[in-house]
N, C-alpha and C. Protein backbone atom coordinates (compact mmCIF):
# COMPACT_ATOMS: atom_id res chain seq x y z
N UNK A 1 121.42 -240.98 103.68
CA UNK A 1 120.73 -239.96 102.92
C UNK A 1 120.49 -238.76 103.80
N UNK A 2 120.68 -237.63 103.17
CA UNK A 2 120.44 -236.39 103.88
C UNK A 2 119.10 -235.82 103.43
N UNK A 3 118.32 -235.39 104.37
CA UNK A 3 117.08 -234.71 103.98
C UNK A 3 117.29 -233.22 104.15
N UNK A 4 117.00 -232.51 103.12
CA UNK A 4 117.18 -231.05 103.20
C UNK A 4 115.82 -230.40 103.43
N UNK A 5 115.79 -229.52 104.34
CA UNK A 5 114.57 -228.76 104.58
C UNK A 5 114.99 -227.37 105.02
N UNK A 6 114.12 -226.43 104.76
CA UNK A 6 114.44 -225.07 105.18
C UNK A 6 113.62 -224.73 106.41
N UNK A 7 114.26 -224.08 107.30
CA UNK A 7 113.58 -223.68 108.52
C UNK A 7 112.74 -222.45 108.23
N UNK A 8 111.57 -222.38 108.81
CA UNK A 8 110.74 -221.19 108.57
C UNK A 8 111.39 -219.95 109.19
N UNK A 9 111.23 -218.86 108.50
CA UNK A 9 111.76 -217.60 109.02
C UNK A 9 110.86 -217.13 110.16
N UNK A 10 111.48 -216.71 111.22
CA UNK A 10 110.73 -216.26 112.39
C UNK A 10 110.74 -214.74 112.41
N UNK A 11 109.56 -214.17 112.46
CA UNK A 11 109.42 -212.72 112.52
C UNK A 11 108.87 -212.35 113.89
N UNK A 12 109.21 -211.17 114.31
CA UNK A 12 108.56 -210.71 115.53
C UNK A 12 107.19 -210.14 115.16
N UNK A 13 106.37 -209.88 116.13
CA UNK A 13 104.99 -209.47 115.87
C UNK A 13 104.88 -208.19 115.06
N UNK A 14 105.75 -207.22 115.31
CA UNK A 14 105.68 -205.95 114.60
C UNK A 14 105.97 -206.15 113.11
N UNK A 15 107.03 -206.91 112.81
CA UNK A 15 107.36 -207.16 111.40
C UNK A 15 106.22 -207.91 110.70
N UNK A 16 105.65 -208.86 111.39
CA UNK A 16 104.57 -209.64 110.79
C UNK A 16 103.35 -208.77 110.51
N UNK A 17 103.00 -207.91 111.44
CA UNK A 17 101.87 -207.00 111.23
C UNK A 17 102.14 -206.04 110.08
N UNK A 18 103.37 -205.53 110.01
CA UNK A 18 103.71 -204.61 108.92
C UNK A 18 103.61 -205.31 107.57
N UNK A 19 104.09 -206.54 107.50
CA UNK A 19 104.04 -207.27 106.23
C UNK A 19 102.60 -207.58 105.84
N UNK A 20 101.78 -207.98 106.80
CA UNK A 20 100.38 -208.26 106.50
C UNK A 20 99.67 -206.99 106.06
N UNK A 21 99.96 -205.89 106.71
CA UNK A 21 99.35 -204.61 106.34
C UNK A 21 99.75 -204.18 104.94
N UNK A 22 101.03 -204.34 104.62
CA UNK A 22 101.50 -203.96 103.28
C UNK A 22 100.88 -204.85 102.22
N UNK A 23 100.78 -206.14 102.50
CA UNK A 23 100.17 -207.06 101.54
C UNK A 23 98.69 -206.73 101.34
N UNK A 24 98.01 -206.41 102.41
CA UNK A 24 96.59 -206.06 102.30
C UNK A 24 96.40 -204.78 101.51
N UNK A 25 97.25 -203.77 101.79
CA UNK A 25 97.14 -202.52 101.05
C UNK A 25 97.41 -202.73 99.57
N UNK A 26 98.42 -203.54 99.27
CA UNK A 26 98.75 -203.82 97.87
C UNK A 26 97.58 -204.53 97.20
N UNK A 27 97.01 -205.51 97.87
CA UNK A 27 95.87 -206.24 97.30
C UNK A 27 94.68 -205.31 97.11
N UNK A 28 94.39 -204.50 98.11
CA UNK A 28 93.23 -203.62 98.02
C UNK A 28 93.40 -202.61 96.90
N UNK A 29 94.56 -201.95 96.85
CA UNK A 29 94.79 -200.96 95.81
C UNK A 29 94.73 -201.60 94.43
N UNK A 30 95.32 -202.76 94.31
CA UNK A 30 95.36 -203.42 93.01
C UNK A 30 93.97 -203.89 92.59
N UNK A 31 93.20 -204.44 93.53
CA UNK A 31 91.88 -204.94 93.15
C UNK A 31 90.94 -203.79 92.79
N UNK A 32 91.02 -202.69 93.50
CA UNK A 32 90.20 -201.52 93.16
C UNK A 32 90.60 -200.99 91.80
N UNK A 33 91.90 -200.88 91.57
CA UNK A 33 92.41 -200.39 90.28
C UNK A 33 91.96 -201.32 89.16
N UNK A 34 92.07 -202.63 89.38
CA UNK A 34 91.68 -203.60 88.36
C UNK A 34 90.18 -203.53 88.09
N UNK A 35 89.40 -203.36 89.16
CA UNK A 35 87.95 -203.26 88.99
C UNK A 35 87.60 -202.04 88.14
N UNK A 36 88.24 -200.90 88.44
CA UNK A 36 87.95 -199.70 87.67
C UNK A 36 88.35 -199.87 86.21
N UNK A 37 89.52 -200.44 85.98
CA UNK A 37 89.95 -200.66 84.59
C UNK A 37 88.99 -201.58 83.86
N UNK A 38 88.61 -202.66 84.52
CA UNK A 38 87.72 -203.63 83.88
C UNK A 38 86.36 -203.03 83.60
N UNK A 39 85.79 -202.36 84.58
CA UNK A 39 84.45 -201.82 84.38
C UNK A 39 84.45 -200.71 83.33
N UNK A 40 85.49 -199.89 83.32
CA UNK A 40 85.54 -198.82 82.32
C UNK A 40 85.80 -199.37 80.93
N UNK A 41 86.62 -200.40 80.82
CA UNK A 41 86.93 -200.92 79.49
C UNK A 41 85.81 -201.79 78.95
N UNK A 42 84.99 -202.39 79.81
CA UNK A 42 83.91 -203.25 79.33
C UNK A 42 82.61 -202.50 79.06
N UNK A 43 82.50 -201.28 79.55
CA UNK A 43 81.22 -200.57 79.42
C UNK A 43 80.77 -200.43 77.97
N UNK A 44 81.61 -199.96 77.05
CA UNK A 44 81.15 -199.86 75.65
C UNK A 44 80.79 -201.21 75.06
N UNK A 45 81.56 -202.23 75.43
CA UNK A 45 81.31 -203.57 74.89
C UNK A 45 79.96 -204.10 75.38
N UNK A 46 79.67 -203.91 76.66
CA UNK A 46 78.39 -204.38 77.20
C UNK A 46 77.24 -203.63 76.55
N UNK A 47 77.39 -202.30 76.41
CA UNK A 47 76.34 -201.51 75.77
C UNK A 47 76.12 -201.97 74.34
N UNK A 48 77.21 -202.17 73.60
CA UNK A 48 77.11 -202.62 72.21
C UNK A 48 76.47 -204.01 72.14
N UNK A 49 76.87 -204.90 73.05
CA UNK A 49 76.33 -206.25 73.04
C UNK A 49 74.83 -206.24 73.31
N UNK A 50 74.40 -205.45 74.28
CA UNK A 50 72.97 -205.38 74.58
C UNK A 50 72.20 -204.81 73.40
N UNK A 51 72.75 -203.76 72.78
CA UNK A 51 72.08 -203.15 71.63
C UNK A 51 72.00 -204.13 70.47
N UNK A 52 73.10 -204.84 70.19
CA UNK A 52 73.08 -205.78 69.07
C UNK A 52 72.18 -206.97 69.38
N UNK A 53 72.13 -207.40 70.64
CA UNK A 53 71.23 -208.49 71.01
C UNK A 53 69.79 -208.07 70.80
N UNK A 54 69.48 -206.85 71.20
CA UNK A 54 68.11 -206.36 71.04
C UNK A 54 67.76 -206.26 69.56
N UNK A 55 68.69 -205.76 68.76
CA UNK A 55 68.46 -205.64 67.32
C UNK A 55 68.28 -207.02 66.69
N UNK A 56 69.16 -207.96 67.04
CA UNK A 56 69.06 -209.31 66.48
C UNK A 56 67.78 -210.01 66.92
N UNK A 57 67.42 -209.84 68.18
CA UNK A 57 66.20 -210.46 68.68
C UNK A 57 64.99 -209.90 67.94
N UNK A 58 64.98 -208.59 67.72
CA UNK A 58 63.86 -207.97 67.02
C UNK A 58 63.76 -208.48 65.59
N UNK A 59 64.89 -208.57 64.90
CA UNK A 59 64.85 -209.05 63.51
C UNK A 59 64.43 -210.51 63.44
N UNK A 60 64.89 -211.33 64.38
CA UNK A 60 64.49 -212.74 64.39
C UNK A 60 63.00 -212.85 64.70
N UNK A 61 62.54 -212.06 65.65
CA UNK A 61 61.12 -212.09 66.01
C UNK A 61 60.26 -211.69 64.82
N UNK A 62 60.66 -210.62 64.12
CA UNK A 62 59.88 -210.18 62.97
C UNK A 62 59.90 -211.20 61.84
N UNK A 63 61.04 -211.80 61.58
CA UNK A 63 61.10 -212.79 60.51
C UNK A 63 60.27 -214.03 60.88
N UNK A 64 60.28 -214.41 62.15
CA UNK A 64 59.44 -215.53 62.58
C UNK A 64 57.96 -215.18 62.48
N UNK A 65 57.62 -213.93 62.80
CA UNK A 65 56.23 -213.50 62.70
C UNK A 65 55.78 -213.54 61.24
N UNK A 66 56.66 -213.13 60.32
CA UNK A 66 56.32 -213.20 58.89
C UNK A 66 56.13 -214.65 58.46
N UNK A 67 56.99 -215.53 58.95
CA UNK A 67 56.89 -216.94 58.60
C UNK A 67 55.58 -217.54 59.11
N UNK A 68 55.23 -217.23 60.35
CA UNK A 68 53.97 -217.73 60.92
C UNK A 68 52.79 -217.18 60.12
N UNK A 69 52.85 -215.90 59.78
CA UNK A 69 51.77 -215.30 58.98
C UNK A 69 51.66 -215.99 57.62
N UNK A 70 52.80 -216.28 57.01
CA UNK A 70 52.80 -216.94 55.71
C UNK A 70 52.21 -218.35 55.82
N UNK A 71 52.57 -219.09 56.87
CA UNK A 71 52.04 -220.44 57.08
C UNK A 71 50.53 -220.40 57.29
N UNK A 72 50.07 -219.46 58.11
CA UNK A 72 48.63 -219.34 58.37
C UNK A 72 47.90 -218.97 57.09
N UNK A 73 48.46 -218.04 56.34
CA UNK A 73 47.84 -217.63 55.08
C UNK A 73 47.78 -218.80 54.10
N UNK A 74 48.88 -219.53 54.00
CA UNK A 74 48.92 -220.66 53.07
C UNK A 74 47.94 -221.75 53.48
N UNK A 75 47.82 -221.99 54.77
CA UNK A 75 46.90 -223.04 55.23
C UNK A 75 45.45 -222.62 55.04
N UNK A 76 45.17 -221.34 55.20
CA UNK A 76 43.78 -220.89 55.00
C UNK A 76 43.41 -220.89 53.52
N UNK A 77 44.38 -220.63 52.65
CA UNK A 77 44.13 -220.68 51.22
C UNK A 77 43.90 -222.13 50.79
N UNK A 78 44.68 -223.03 51.36
CA UNK A 78 44.59 -224.44 50.98
C UNK A 78 43.28 -225.07 51.45
N UNK A 79 42.69 -224.55 52.50
CA UNK A 79 41.47 -225.19 53.01
C UNK A 79 40.23 -224.59 52.47
C-alpha cells in the first residue's frame, strides 16, 4: 500500500511575512466594512424594535392596570 501525503510548502521569511500581512489587511478591511454595513443596516430595525417594544409594553401595562382596577372595583362592590 502506498500512502500519499503532500509535503508542506516552504516559504522564506519575506514571503511568509508578506502573506500574513496581506491576510491581516484583508481581514481588517473586510471586518470593518462588514461592521459598518451591519450597523448601518440594523439601525432603523433596532430603533423600530425599541419603539414598538415600548408601545407594546405601555399598552399591556395599561390593559393590566384596567384589569386590576376592574377586579378591585368588583371585589369592593361584592363585599
